[in-house]
Amino acid sequence: MSRDEQLKKYWEELVEKLSAQFADGDPLELDAIIYLVGVQELGQYHRKYKKDDKLDLMHIAICRLLEPYGYYEFSHFDEESWPHYTIKEELPPLKAGEQSVLMKEAIVGYFLEKEYIK
């Protein structure tokens, strides 16, 4: 199976599983899954988030997801237990489709690492 086919298989399995768990089966979009990763990384599951917090959660997720690729490095937790990252290397200019593939690949890797999918 090619790398693209494997990614597609994992992605479909992940979307189905997360959608069943968090969206009553309605398929979650990429941004929603990134948000869920941010909540997971923050670890504060049972609180309400304001719009700015939601953007910050997505930023946390993107940093965490791209950390294994060498773009970000964990720095510290602040006084409210929010993780902070530093930029190690600027992301290269990517077309929208390339960005989407990179994020899907990073998300699949994250959930494989967490053993949420196998």
PDB file of N, CA and C in Angstrom:
ATOM      1  N   MET A   1       0.855  -1.180   0.000  1.00  0.00           N
ATOM      2  CA  MET A   1       0.000   0.000   0.000  1.00  0.00           C
ATOM      3  C   MET A   1       0.898   1.239   0.000  1.00  0.00           C
ATOM      4  N   SER A   2       0.581   2.193  -0.870  1.00  0.00           N
ATOM      5  CA  SER A   2       1.400   3.403  -0.956  1.00  0.00           C
ATOM      6  C   SER A   2       1.196   4.274   0.286  1.00  0.00           C
ATOM      7  N   ARG A   3       2.129   5.172   0.505  1.00  0.00           N
ATOM      8  CA  ARG A   3       2.068   6.078   1.650  1.00  0.00           C
ATOM      9  C   ARG A   3       0.780   6.899   1.630  1.00  0.00           C
ATOM     10  N   ASP A   4       0.384   7.391   0.439  1.00  0.00           N
ATOM     11  CA  ASP A   4      -0.841   8.178   0.320  1.00  0.00           C
ATOM     12  C   ASP A   4      -2.075   7.346   0.640  1.00  0.00           C
ATOM     13  N   GLU A   5      -2.092   6.097   0.175  1.00  0.00           N
ATOM     14  CA  GLU A   5      -3.233   5.219   0.460  1.00  0.00           C
ATOM     15  C   GLU A   5      -3.311   4.909   1.948  1.00  0.00           C
ATOM     16  N   GLN A   6      -2.158   4.683   2.575  1.00  0.00           N
ATOM     17  CA  GLN A   6      -2.109   4.396   4.010  1.00  0.00           C
ATOM     18  C   GLN A   6      -2.599   5.602   4.805  1.00  0.00           C
ATOM     19  N   LEU A   7      -2.154   6.791   4.426  1.00  0.00           N
ATOM     20  CA  LEU A   7      -2.599   8.012   5.094  1.00  0.00           C
ATOM     21  C   LEU A   7      -4.107   8.160   4.957  1.00  0.00           C
ATOM     22  N   LYS A   8      -4.626   7.929   3.763  1.00  0.00           N
ATOM     23  CA  LYS A   8      -6.070   8.047   3.536  1.00  0.00           C
ATOM     24  C   LYS A   8      -6.839   7.063   4.412  1.00  0.00           C
ATOM     25  N   LYS A   9      -6.360   5.840   4.504  1.00  0.00           N
ATOM     26  CA  LYS A   9      -7.009   4.811   5.329  1.00  0.00           C
ATOM     27  C   LYS A   9      -7.028   5.239   6.799  1.00  0.00           C
ATOM     28  N   TYR A  10      -5.863   5.637   7.308  1.00  0.00           N
ATOM     29  CA  TYR A  10      -5.781   6.090   8.699  1.00  0.00           C
ATOM     30  C   TYR A  10      -6.665   7.313   8.932  1.00  0.00           C
ATOM     31  N   TRP A  11      -6.638   8.265   8.002  1.00  0.00           N
ATOM     32  CA  TRP A  11      -7.408   9.494   8.160  1.00  0.00           C
ATOM     33  C   TRP A  11      -8.902   9.171   8.232  1.00  0.00           C
ATOM     34  N   GLU A  12      -9.381   8.327   7.342  1.00  0.00           N
ATOM     35  CA  GLU A  12     -10.799   7.965   7.343  1.00  0.00           C
ATOM     36  C   GLU A  12     -11.190   7.259   8.641  1.00  0.00           C
ATOM     37  N   GLU A  13     -10.326   6.360   9.115  1.00  0.00           N
ATOM     38  CA  GLU A  13     -10.589   5.671  10.377  1.00  0.00           C
ATOM     39  C   GLU A  13     -10.642   6.672  11.536  1.00  0.00           C
ATOM     40  N   LEU A  14      -9.695   7.600  11.551  1.00  0.00           N
ATOM     41  CA  LEU A  14      -9.626   8.600  12.615  1.00  0.00           C
ATOM     42  C   LEU A  14     -10.851   9.508  12.605  1.00  0.00           C
ATOM     43  N   VAL A  15     -11.219  10.029  11.445  1.00  0.00           N
ATOM     44  CA  VAL A  15     -12.377  10.918  11.341  1.00  0.00           C
ATOM     45  C   VAL A  15     -13.638  10.185  11.797  1.00  0.00           C
ATOM     46  N   GLU A  16     -13.784   8.945  11.375  1.00  0.00           N
ATOM     47  CA  GLU A  16     -14.966   8.168  11.766  1.00  0.00           C
ATOM     48  C   GLU A  16     -15.019   7.981  13.286  1.00  0.00           C
ATOM     49  N   LYS A  17     -13.904   7.622  13.881  1.00  0.00           N
ATOM     50  CA  LYS A  17     -13.864   7.361  15.317  1.00  0.00           C
ATOM     51  C   LYS A  17     -14.078   8.647  16.133  1.00  0.00           C
ATOM     52  N   LEU A  18     -13.382   9.723  15.766  1.00  0.00           N
ATOM     53  CA  LEU A  18     -13.551  10.992  16.480  1.00  0.00           C
ATOM     54  C   LEU A  18     -14.953  11.553  16.287  1.00  0.00           C
ATOM     55  N   SER A  19     -15.495  11.424  15.083  1.00  0.00           N
ATOM     56  CA  SER A  19     -16.825  11.941  14.787  1.00  0.00           C
ATOM     57  C   SER A  19     -17.881  11.208  15.609  1.00  0.00           C
ATOM     58  N   ALA A  20     -17.731   9.912  15.754  1.00  0.00           N
ATOM     59  CA  ALA A  20     -18.670   9.134  16.564  1.00  0.00           C
ATOM     60  C   ALA A  20     -18.579   9.546  18.032  1.00  0.00           C
ATOM     61  N   GLN A  21     -17.366   9.839  18.485  1.00  0.00           N
ATOM     62  CA  GLN A  21     -17.160  10.171  19.891  1.00  0.00           C
ATOM     63  C   GLN A  21     -17.557  11.608  20.232  1.00  0.00           C
ATOM     64  N   PHE A  22     -17.326  12.546  19.303  1.00  0.00           N
ATOM     65  CA  PHE A  22     -17.498  13.963  19.638  1.00  0.00           C
ATOM     66  C   PHE A  22     -18.557  14.707  18.826  1.00  0.00           C
ATOM     67  N   ALA A  23     -19.080  14.114  17.762  1.00  0.00           N
ATOM     68  CA  ALA A  23     -19.981  14.878  16.884  1.00  0.00           C
ATOM     69  C   ALA A  23     -21.201  14.062  16.469  1.00  0.00           C
ATOM     70  N   ASP A  24     -21.606  13.115  17.291  1.00  0.00           N
ATOM     71  CA  ASP A  24     -22.777  12.283  16.987  1.00  0.00           C
ATOM     72  C   ASP A  24     -22.722  11.694  15.584  1.00  0.00           C
ATOM     73  N   GLY A  25     -21.530  11.407  15.118  1.00  0.00           N
ATOM     74  CA  GLY A  25     -21.364  10.770  13.816  1.00  0.00           C
ATOM     75  C   GLY A  25     -21.227  11.721  12.646  1.00  0.00           C
ATOM     76  N   ASP A  26     -21.532  13.018  12.838  1.00  0.00           N
ATOM     77  CA  ASP A  26     -21.326  13.985  11.757  1.00  0.00           C
ATOM     78  C   ASP A  26     -19.823  14.117  11.532  1.00  0.00           C
ATOM     79  N   PRO A  27     -19.349  13.986  10.295  1.00  0.00           N
ATOM     80  CA  PRO A  27     -17.899  14.000  10.070  1.00  0.00           C
ATOM     81  C   PRO A  27     -17.242  15.308  10.522  1.00  0.00           C
ATOM     82  N   LEU A  28     -16.224  15.180  11.357  1.00  0.00           N
ATOM     83  CA  LEU A  28     -15.468  16.349  11.805  1.00  0.00           C
ATOM     84  C   LEU A  28     -14.535  16.811  10.699  1.00  0.00           C
ATOM     85  N   GLU A  29     -14.375  18.117  10.597  1.00  0.00           N
ATOM     86  CA  GLU A  29     -13.445  18.690   9.630  1.00  0.00           C
ATOM     87  C   GLU A  29     -12.062  18.824  10.272  1.00  0.00           C
ATOM     88  N   LEU A  30     -11.088  19.096   9.443  1.00  0.00           N
ATOM     89  CA  LEU A  30      -9.695  19.207   9.883  1.00  0.00           C
ATOM     90  C   LEU A  30      -9.546  20.185  11.055  1.00  0.00           C
ATOM     91  N   ASP A  31     -10.145  21.372  10.961  1.00  0.00           N
ATOM     92  CA  ASP A  31     -10.017  22.376  12.025  1.00  0.00           C
ATOM     93  C   ASP A  31     -10.567  21.871  13.349  1.00  0.00           C
ATOM     94  N   ALA A  32     -11.674  21.141  13.300  1.00  0.00           N
ATOM     95  CA  ALA A  32     -12.269  20.608  14.527  1.00  0.00           C
ATOM     96  C   ALA A  32     -11.345  19.586  15.177  1.00  0.00           C
ATOM     97  N   ILE A  33     -10.684  18.788  14.361  1.00  0.00           N
ATOM     98  CA  ILE A  33      -9.761  17.780  14.896  1.00  0.00           C
ATOM     99  C   ILE A  33      -8.530  18.462  15.488  1.00  0.00           C
ATOM    100  N   ILE A  34      -8.056  19.515  14.836  1.00  0.00           N
ATOM    101  CA  ILE A  34      -6.928  20.286  15.387  1.00  0.00           C
ATOM    102  C   ILE A  34      -7.320  20.865  16.744  1.00  0.00           C
ATOM    103  N   TYR A  35      -8.531  21.392  16.842  1.00  0.00           N
ATOM    104  CA  TYR A  35      -9.034  21.929  18.115  1.00  0.00           C
ATOM    105  C   TYR A  35      -9.033  20.841  19.193  1.00  0.00           C
ATOM    106  N   LEU A  36      -9.503  19.642  18.849  1.00  0.00           N
ATOM    107  CA  LEU A  36      -9.528  18.540  19.815  1.00  0.00           C
ATOM    108  C   LEU A  36      -8.120  18.185  20.299  1.00  0.00           C
ATOM    109  N   VAL A  37      -7.157  18.234  19.401  1.00  0.00           N
ATOM    110  CA  VAL A  37      -5.767  17.977  19.795  1.00  0.00           C
ATOM    111  C   VAL A  37      -5.318  19.046  20.796  1.00  0.00           C
ATOM    112  N   GLY A  38      -5.686  20.296  20.556  1.00  0.00           N
ATOM    113  CA  GLY A  38      -5.333  21.377  21.477  1.00  0.00           C
ATOM    114  C   GLY A  38      -5.915  21.162  22.863  1.00  0.00           C
ATOM    115  N   VAL A  39      -7.177  20.759  22.918  1.00  0.00           N
ATOM    116  CA  VAL A  39      -7.816  20.479  24.208  1.00  0.00           C
ATOM    117  C   VAL A  39      -7.106  19.314  24.897  1.00  0.00           C
ATOM    118  N   GLN A  40      -6.786  18.293  24.121  1.00  0.00           N
ATOM    119  CA  GLN A  40      -6.063  17.131  24.670  1.00  0.00           C
ATOM    120  C   GLN A  40      -4.715  17.560  25.249  1.00  0.00           C
ATOM    121  N   GLU A  41      -3.991  18.381  24.528  1.00  0.00           N
ATOM    122  CA  GLU A  41      -2.675  18.813  24.990  1.00  0.00           C
ATOM    123  C   GLU A  41      -2.769  19.713  26.221  1.00  0.00           C
ATOM    124  N   LEU A  42      -3.795  20.559  26.291  1.00  0.00           N
ATOM    125  CA  LEU A  42      -3.965  21.414  27.458  1.00  0.00           C
ATOM    126  C   LEU A  42      -4.415  20.585  28.659  1.00  0.00           C
ATOM    127  N   GLY A  43      -5.271  19.606  28.393  1.00  0.00           N
ATOM    128  CA  GLY A  43      -5.719  18.714  29.464  1.00  0.00           C
ATOM    129  C   GLY A  43      -6.803  19.283  30.361  1.00  0.00           C
ATOM    130  N   GLN A  44      -7.392  20.404  29.964  1.00  0.00           N
ATOM    131  CA  GLN A  44      -8.481  21.004  30.741  1.00  0.00           C
ATOM    132  C   GLN A  44      -9.786  20.760  29.975  1.00  0.00           C
ATOM    133  N   TYR A  45     -10.328  19.554  30.145  1.00  0.00           N
ATOM    134  CA  TYR A  45     -11.424  19.078  29.305  1.00  0.00           C
ATOM    135  C   TYR A  45     -12.783  19.675  29.642  1.00  0.00           C
ATOM    136  N   HIS A  46     -13.040  19.950  30.890  1.00  0.00           N
ATOM    137  CA  HIS A  46     -14.402  20.284  31.313  1.00  0.00           C
ATOM    138  C   HIS A  46     -14.610  21.772  31.571  1.00  0.00           C
ATOM    139  N   ARG A  47     -13.999  22.591  30.758  1.00  0.00           N
ATOM    140  CA  ARG A  47     -14.235  24.022  30.909  1.00  0.00           C
ATOM    141  C   ARG A  47     -14.724  24.596  29.600  1.00  0.00           C
ATOM    142  N   LYS A  48     -15.370  25.728  29.691  1.00  0.00           N
ATOM    143  CA  LYS A  48     -15.853  26.427  28.497  1.00  0.00           C
ATOM    144  C   LYS A  48     -14.736  27.337  28.004  1.00  0.00           C
ATOM    145  N   TYR A  49     -14.568  27.364  26.685  1.00  0.00           N
ATOM    146  CA  TYR A  49     -13.514  28.183  26.103  1.00  0.00           C
ATOM    147  C   TYR A  49     -14.115  29.340  25.325  1.00  0.00           C
ATOM    148  N   LYS A  50     -13.503  30.511  25.487  1.00  0.00           N
ATOM    149  CA  LYS A  50     -13.891  31.684  24.701  1.00  0.00           C
ATOM    150  C   LYS A  50     -13.285  31.551  23.313  1.00  0.00           C
ATOM    151  N   LYS A  51     -13.725  32.416  22.404  1.00  0.00           N
ATOM    152  CA  LYS A  51     -13.239  32.355  21.030  1.00  0.00           C
ATOM    153  C   LYS A  51     -11.709  32.477  20.967  1.00  0.00           C
ATOM    154  N   ASP A  52     -11.142  33.415  21.719  1.00  0.00           N
ATOM    155  CA  ASP A  52      -9.682  33.586  21.720  1.00  0.00           C
ATOM    156  C   ASP A  52      -8.984  32.337  22.255  1.00  0.00           C
ATOM    157  N   ASP A  53      -9.580  31.725  23.272  1.00  0.00           N
ATOM    158  CA  ASP A  53      -9.014  30.488  23.815  1.00  0.00           C
ATOM    159  C   ASP A  53      -9.011  29.392  22.753  1.00  0.00           C
ATOM    160  N   LYS A  54     -10.074  29.321  21.973  1.00  0.00           N
ATOM    161  CA  LYS A  54     -10.172  28.289  20.941  1.00  0.00           C
ATOM    162  C   LYS A  54      -9.058  28.465  19.900  1.00  0.00           C
ATOM    163  N   LEU A  55      -8.777  29.708  19.535  1.00  0.00           N
ATOM    164  CA  LEU A  55      -7.674  29.967  18.601  1.00  0.00           C
ATOM    165  C   LEU A  55      -6.335  29.579  19.228  1.00  0.00           C
ATOM    166  N   ASP A  56      -6.180  29.876  20.515  1.00  0.00           N
ATOM    167  CA  ASP A  56      -4.951  29.500  21.218  1.00  0.00           C
ATOM    168  C   ASP A  56      -4.807  27.981  21.291  1.00  0.00           C
ATOM    169  N   LEU A  57      -5.928  27.278  21.500  1.00  0.00           N
ATOM    170  CA  LEU A  57      -5.895  25.816  21.540  1.00  0.00           C
ATOM    171  C   LEU A  57      -5.466  25.247  20.193  1.00  0.00           C
ATOM    172  N   MET A  58      -5.945  25.854  19.121  1.00  0.00           N
ATOM    173  CA  MET A  58      -5.549  25.398  17.787  1.00  0.00           C
ATOM    174  C   MET A  58      -4.064  25.669  17.552  1.00  0.00           C
ATOM    175  N   HIS A  59      -3.578  26.791  18.056  1.00  0.00           N
ATOM    176  CA  HIS A  59      -2.147  27.106  17.940  1.00  0.00           C
ATOM    177  C   HIS A  59      -1.306  26.077  18.701  1.00  0.00           C
ATOM    178  N   ILE A  60      -1.736  25.742  19.916  1.00  0.00           N
ATOM    179  CA  ILE A  60      -1.042  24.708  20.704  1.00  0.00           C
ATOM    180  C   ILE A  60      -0.990  23.414  19.911  1.00  0.00           C
ATOM    181  N   ALA A  61      -2.134  23.045  19.333  1.00  0.00           N
ATOM    182  CA  ALA A  61      -2.211  21.793  18.575  1.00  0.00           C
ATOM    183  C   ALA A  61      -1.258  21.805  17.389  1.00  0.00           C
ATOM    184  N   ILE A  62      -1.251  22.883  16.642  1.00  0.00           N
ATOM    185  CA  ILE A  62      -0.389  22.962  15.458  1.00  0.00           C
ATOM    186  C   ILE A  62       1.082  22.866  15.875  1.00  0.00           C
ATOM    187  N   CYS A  63       1.449  23.564  16.931  1.00  0.00           N
ATOM    188  CA  CYS A  63       2.837  23.478  17.415  1.00  0.00           C
ATOM    189  C   CYS A  63       3.168  22.052  17.819  1.00  0.00           C
ATOM    190  N   ARG A  64       2.286  21.422  18.577  1.00  0.00           N
ATOM    191  CA  ARG A  64       2.532  20.047  19.046  1.00  0.00           C
ATOM    192  C   ARG A  64       2.589  19.071  17.868  1.00  0.00           C
ATOM    193  N   LEU A  65       1.677  19.252  16.905  1.00  0.00           N
ATOM    194  CA  LEU A  65       1.629  18.348  15.758  1.00  0.00           C
ATOM    195  C   LEU A  65       2.862  18.473  14.872  1.00  0.00           C
ATOM    196  N   LEU A  66       3.399  19.684  14.760  1.00  0.00           N
ATOM    197  CA  LEU A  66       4.550  19.909  13.884  1.00  0.00           C
ATOM    198  C   LEU A  66       5.887  19.806  14.619  1.00  0.00           C
ATOM    199  N   GLU A  67       5.839  19.589  15.919  1.00  0.00           N
ATOM    200  CA  GLU A  67       7.059  19.422  16.703  1.00  0.00           C
ATOM    201  C   GLU A  67       7.910  18.248  16.199  1.00  0.00           C
ATOM    202  N   PRO A  68       7.312  17.074  15.911  1.00  0.00           N
ATOM    203  CA  PRO A  68       8.143  15.965  15.420  1.00  0.00           C
ATOM    204  C   PRO A  68       8.822  16.245  14.070  1.00  0.00           C
ATOM    205  N   TYR A  69       8.332  17.233  13.330  1.00  0.00           N
ATOM    206  CA  TYR A  69       8.913  17.586  12.038  1.00  0.00           C
ATOM    207  C   TYR A  69      10.046  18.607  12.187  1.00  0.00           C
ATOM    208  N   GLY A  70      10.282  19.055  13.423  1.00  0.00           N
ATOM    209  CA  GLY A  70      11.380  19.980  13.681  1.00  0.00           C
ATOM    210  C   GLY A  70      11.035  21.449  13.523  1.00  0.00           C
ATOM    211  N   TYR A  71       9.745  21.774  13.385  1.00  0.00           N
ATOM    212  CA  TYR A  71       9.364  23.175  13.207  1.00  0.00           C
ATOM    213  C   TYR A  71       9.185  23.914  14.533  1.00  0.00           C
ATOM    214  N   TYR A  72       8.779  23.189  15.562  1.00  0.00           N
ATOM    215  CA  TYR A  72       8.546  23.785  16.882  1.00  0.00           C
ATOM    216  C   TYR A  72       9.213  22.933  17.944  1.00  0.00           C
ATOM    217  N   GLU A  73       9.471  23.569  19.093  1.00  0.00           N
ATOM    218  CA  GLU A  73      10.028  22.859  20.238  1.00  0.00           C
ATOM    219  C   GLU A  73       9.286  23.329  21.483  1.00  0.00           C
ATOM    220  N   PHE A  74       8.886  22.376  22.325  1.00  0.00           N
ATOM    221  CA  PHE A  74       8.223  22.741  23.572  1.00  0.00           C
ATOM    222  C   PHE A  74       9.159  23.606  24.398  1.00  0.00           C
ATOM    223  N   SER A  75       8.607  24.674  24.980  1.00  0.00           N
ATOM    224  CA  SER A  75       9.402  25.591  25.784  1.00  0.00           C
ATOM    225  C   SER A  75       9.076  25.438  27.273  1.00  0.00           C
ATOM    226  N   HIS A  76       7.807  25.667  27.625  1.00  0.00           N
ATOM    227  CA  HIS A  76       7.435  25.653  29.044  1.00  0.00           C
ATOM    228  C   HIS A  76       5.910  25.695  29.190  1.00  0.00           C
ATOM    229  N   PHE A  77       5.459  25.482  30.406  1.00  0.00           N
ATOM    230  CA  PHE A  77       4.065  25.708  30.763  1.00  0.00           C
ATOM    231  C   PHE A  77       3.996  27.034  31.509  1.00  0.00           C
ATOM    232  N   ASP A  78       2.982  27.839  31.212  1.00  0.00           N
ATOM    233  CA  ASP A  78       2.835  29.097  31.946  1.00  0.00           C
ATOM    234  C   ASP A  78       2.098  28.856  33.270  1.00  0.00           C
ATOM    235  N   GLU A  79       1.812  29.947  33.995  1.00  0.00           N
ATOM    236  CA  GLU A  79       1.200  29.831  35.324  1.00  0.00           C
ATOM    237  C   GLU A  79      -0.217  29.243  35.282  1.00  0.00           C
ATOM    238  N   GLU A  80      -0.848  29.253  34.099  1.00  0.00           N
ATOM    239  CA  GLU A  80      -2.183  28.659  33.955  1.00  0.00           C
ATOM    240  C   GLU A  80      -2.120  27.269  33.310  1.00  0.00           C
ATOM    241  N   SER A  81      -0.913  26.717  33.231  1.00  0.00           N
ATOM    242  CA  SER A  81      -0.655  25.375  32.681  1.00  0.00           C
ATOM    243  C   SER A  81      -0.846  25.268  31.175  1.00  0.00           C
ATOM    244  N   TRP A  82      -0.769  26.394  30.475  1.00  0.00           N
ATOM    245  CA  TRP A  82      -0.832  26.364  29.009  1.00  0.00           C
ATOM    246  C   TRP A  82       0.567  26.110  28.471  1.00  0.00           C
ATOM    247  N   PRO A  83       0.711  25.167  27.551  1.00  0.00           N
ATOM    248  CA  PRO A  83       2.035  24.904  26.974  1.00  0.00           C
ATOM    249  C   PRO A  83       2.453  26.002  25.993  1.00  0.00           C
ATOM    250  N   HIS A  84       3.732  26.258  25.950  1.00  0.00           N
ATOM    251  CA  HIS A  84       4.294  27.239  25.015  1.00  0.00           C
ATOM    252  C   HIS A  84       5.399  26.569  24.211  1.00  0.00           C
ATOM    253  N   TYR A  85       5.519  26.994  22.968  1.00  0.00           N
ATOM    254  CA  TYR A  85       6.507  26.430  22.047  1.00  0.00           C
ATOM    255  C   TYR A  85       7.322  27.553  21.435  1.00  0.00           C
ATOM    256  N   THR A  86       8.527  27.218  21.024  1.00  0.00           N
ATOM    257  CA  THR A  86       9.343  28.161  20.274  1.00  0.00           C
ATOM    258  C   THR A  86       9.494  27.625  18.849  1.00  0.00           C
ATOM    259  N   ILE A  87       9.647  28.548  17.921  1.00  0.00           N
ATOM    260  CA  ILE A  87       9.845  28.166  16.522  1.00  0.00           C
ATOM    261  C   ILE A  87      11.302  27.767  16.347  1.00  0.00           C
ATOM    262  N   LYS A  88      11.517  26.568  15.821  1.00  0.00           N
ATOM    263  CA  LYS A  88      12.876  26.108  15.534  1.00  0.00           C
ATOM    264  C   LYS A  88      13.231  26.370  14.078  1.00  0.00           C
ATOM    265  N   GLU A  89      12.243  26.206  13.220  1.00  0.00           N
ATOM    266  CA  GLU A  89      12.469  26.387  11.787  1.00  0.00           C
ATOM    267  C   GLU A  89      11.163  26.871  11.169  1.00  0.00           C
ATOM    268  N   GLU A  90      11.269  27.865  10.312  1.00  0.00           N
ATOM    269  CA  GLU A  90      10.069  28.375   9.635  1.00  0.00           C
ATOM    270  C   GLU A  90       9.515  27.314   8.694  1.00  0.00           C
ATOM    271  N   LEU A  91       8.200  27.242   8.648  1.00  0.00           N
ATOM    272  CA  LEU A  91       7.558  26.336   7.691  1.00  0.00           C
ATOM    273  C   LEU A  91       7.836  26.831   6.283  1.00  0.00           C
ATOM    274  N   PRO A  92       8.119  25.934   5.362  1.00  0.00           N
ATOM    275  CA  PRO A  92       8.300  26.371   3.974  1.00  0.00           C
ATOM    276  C   PRO A  92       6.956  26.803   3.394  1.00  0.00           C
ATOM    277  N   PRO A  93       6.966  27.642   2.377  1.00  0.00           N
ATOM    278  CA  PRO A  93       5.700  28.019   1.739  1.00  0.00           C
ATOM    279  C   PRO A  93       5.031  26.771   1.149  1.00  0.00           C
ATOM    280  N   LEU A  94       3.799  26.533   1.523  1.00  0.00           N
ATOM    281  CA  LEU A  94       3.065  25.372   1.038  1.00  0.00           C
ATOM    282  C   LEU A  94       1.759  25.811   0.408  1.00  0.00           C
ATOM    283  N   LYS A  95       1.356  25.117  -0.634  1.00  0.00           N
ATOM    284  CA  LYS A  95       0.039  25.349  -1.223  1.00  0.00           C
ATOM    285  C   LYS A  95      -0.999  24.785  -0.261  1.00  0.00           C
ATOM    286  N   ALA A  96      -2.247  25.214  -0.415  1.00  0.00           N
ATOM    287  CA  ALA A  96      -3.312  24.785   0.499  1.00  0.00           C
ATOM    288  C   ALA A  96      -3.409  23.262   0.584  1.00  0.00           C
ATOM    289  N   GLY A  97      -3.332  22.591  -0.541  1.00  0.00           N
ATOM    290  CA  GLY A  97      -3.410  21.131  -0.555  1.00  0.00           C
ATOM    291  C   GLY A  97      -2.246  20.490   0.172  1.00  0.00           C
ATOM    292  N   GLU A  98      -1.062  21.073   0.022  1.00  0.00           N
ATOM    293  CA  GLU A  98       0.130  20.554   0.699  1.00  0.00           C
ATOM    294  C   GLU A  98       0.027  20.757   2.214  1.00  0.00           C
ATOM    295  N   GLN A  99      -0.526  21.910   2.624  1.00  0.00           N
ATOM    296  CA  GLN A  99      -0.740  22.175   4.048  1.00  0.00           C
ATOM    297  C   GLN A  99      -1.681  21.136   4.639  1.00  0.00           C
ATOM    298  N   SER A 100      -2.747  20.866   3.923  1.00  0.00           N
ATOM    299  CA  SER A 100      -3.745  19.906   4.377  1.00  0.00           C
ATOM    300  C   SER A 100      -3.134  18.515   4.540  1.00  0.00           C
ATOM    301  N   VAL A 101      -2.350  18.084   3.570  1.00  0.00           N
ATOM    302  CA  VAL A 101      -1.712  16.769   3.638  1.00  0.00           C
ATOM    303  C   VAL A 101      -0.735  16.715   4.811  1.00  0.00           C
ATOM    304  N   LEU A 102       0.065  17.765   4.994  1.00  0.00           N
ATOM    305  CA  LEU A 102       1.014  17.808   6.103  1.00  0.00           C
ATOM    306  C   LEU A 102       0.277  17.702   7.438  1.00  0.00           C
ATOM    307  N   MET A 103      -0.803  18.458   7.604  1.00  0.00           N
ATOM    308  CA  MET A 103      -1.536  18.431   8.865  1.00  0.00           C
ATOM    309  C   MET A 103      -2.204  17.084   9.078  1.00  0.00           C
ATOM    310  N   LYS A 104      -2.773  16.499   8.036  1.00  0.00           N
ATOM    311  CA  LYS A 104      -3.393  15.176   8.179  1.00  0.00           C
ATOM    312  C   LYS A 104      -2.347  14.136   8.571  1.00  0.00           C
ATOM    313  N   GLU A 105      -1.194  14.209   7.937  1.00  0.00           N
ATOM    314  CA  GLU A 105      -0.097  13.291   8.257  1.00  0.00           C
ATOM    315  C   GLU A 105       0.333  13.461   9.714  1.00  0.00           C
ATOM    316  N   ALA A 106       0.457  14.700  10.151  1.00  0.00           N
ATOM    317  CA  ALA A 106       0.872  14.987  11.527  1.00  0.00           C
ATOM    318  C   ALA A 106      -0.196  14.523  12.526  1.00  0.00           C
ATOM    319  N   ILE A 107      -1.457  14.740  12.202  1.00  0.00           N
ATOM    320  CA  ILE A 107      -2.552  14.324  13.085  1.00  0.00           C
ATOM    321  C   ILE A 107      -2.608  12.804  13.186  1.00  0.00           C
ATOM    322  N   VAL A 108      -2.503  12.125  12.055  1.00  0.00           N
ATOM    323  CA  VAL A 108      -2.501  10.656  12.071  1.00  0.00           C
ATOM    324  C   VAL A 108      -1.333  10.158  12.921  1.00  0.00           C
ATOM    325  N   GLY A 109      -0.152  10.739  12.746  1.00  0.00           N
ATOM    326  CA  GLY A 109       1.001  10.349  13.551  1.00  0.00           C
ATOM    327  C   GLY A 109       0.759  10.552  15.040  1.00  0.00           C
ATOM    328  N   TYR A 110       0.124  11.653  15.381  1.00  0.00           N
ATOM    329  CA  TYR A 110      -0.193  11.974  16.779  1.00  0.00           C
ATOM    330  C   TYR A 110      -1.117  10.913  17.379  1.00  0.00           C
ATOM    331  N   PHE A 111      -2.174  10.577  16.656  1.00  0.00           N
ATOM    332  CA  PHE A 111      -3.146   9.620  17.185  1.00  0.00           C
ATOM    333  C   PHE A 111      -2.629   8.178  17.142  1.00  0.00           C
ATOM    334  N   LEU A 112      -1.712   7.881  16.243  1.00  0.00           N
ATOM    335  CA  LEU A 112      -1.035   6.585  16.285  1.00  0.00           C
ATOM    336  C   LEU A 112      -0.148   6.508  17.532  1.00  0.00           C
ATOM    337  N   GLU A 113       0.572   7.584  17.795  1.00  0.00           N
ATOM    338  CA  GLU A 113       1.451   7.654  18.970  1.00  0.00           C
ATOM    339  C   GLU A 113       0.631   7.488  20.260  1.00  0.00           C
ATOM    340  N   LYS A 114      -0.563   8.080  20.291  1.00  0.00           N
ATOM    341  CA  LYS A 114      -1.436   8.001  21.469  1.00  0.00           C
ATOM    342  C   LYS A 114      -2.200   6.675  21.511  1.00  0.00           C
ATOM    343  N   GLU A 115      -2.030   5.858  20.471  1.00  0.00           N
ATOM    344  CA  GLU A 115      -2.693   4.561  20.327  1.00  0.00           C
ATOM    345  C   GLU A 115      -4.213   4.676  20.302  1.00  0.00           C
ATOM    346  N   TYR A 116      -4.693   5.796  19.783  1.00  0.00           N
ATOM    347  CA  TYR A 116      -6.133   5.983  19.583  1.00  0.00           C
ATOM    348  C   TYR A 116      -6.589   5.240  18.343  1.00  0.00           C
ATOM    349  N   ILE A 117      -5.699   5.179  17.344  1.00  0.00           N
ATOM    350  CA  ILE A 117      -5.922   4.352  16.155  1.00  0.00           C
ATOM    351  C   ILE A 117      -4.720   3.439  16.035  1.00  0.00           C
ATOM    352  N   LYS A 118      -4.921   2.342  15.268  1.00  0.00           N
ATOM    353  CA  LYS A 118      -3.824   1.388  15.104  1.00  0.00           C
ATOM    354  C   LYS A 118      -3.708   0.953  13.669  1.00  0.00           C
TER     355      LYS A 118
END
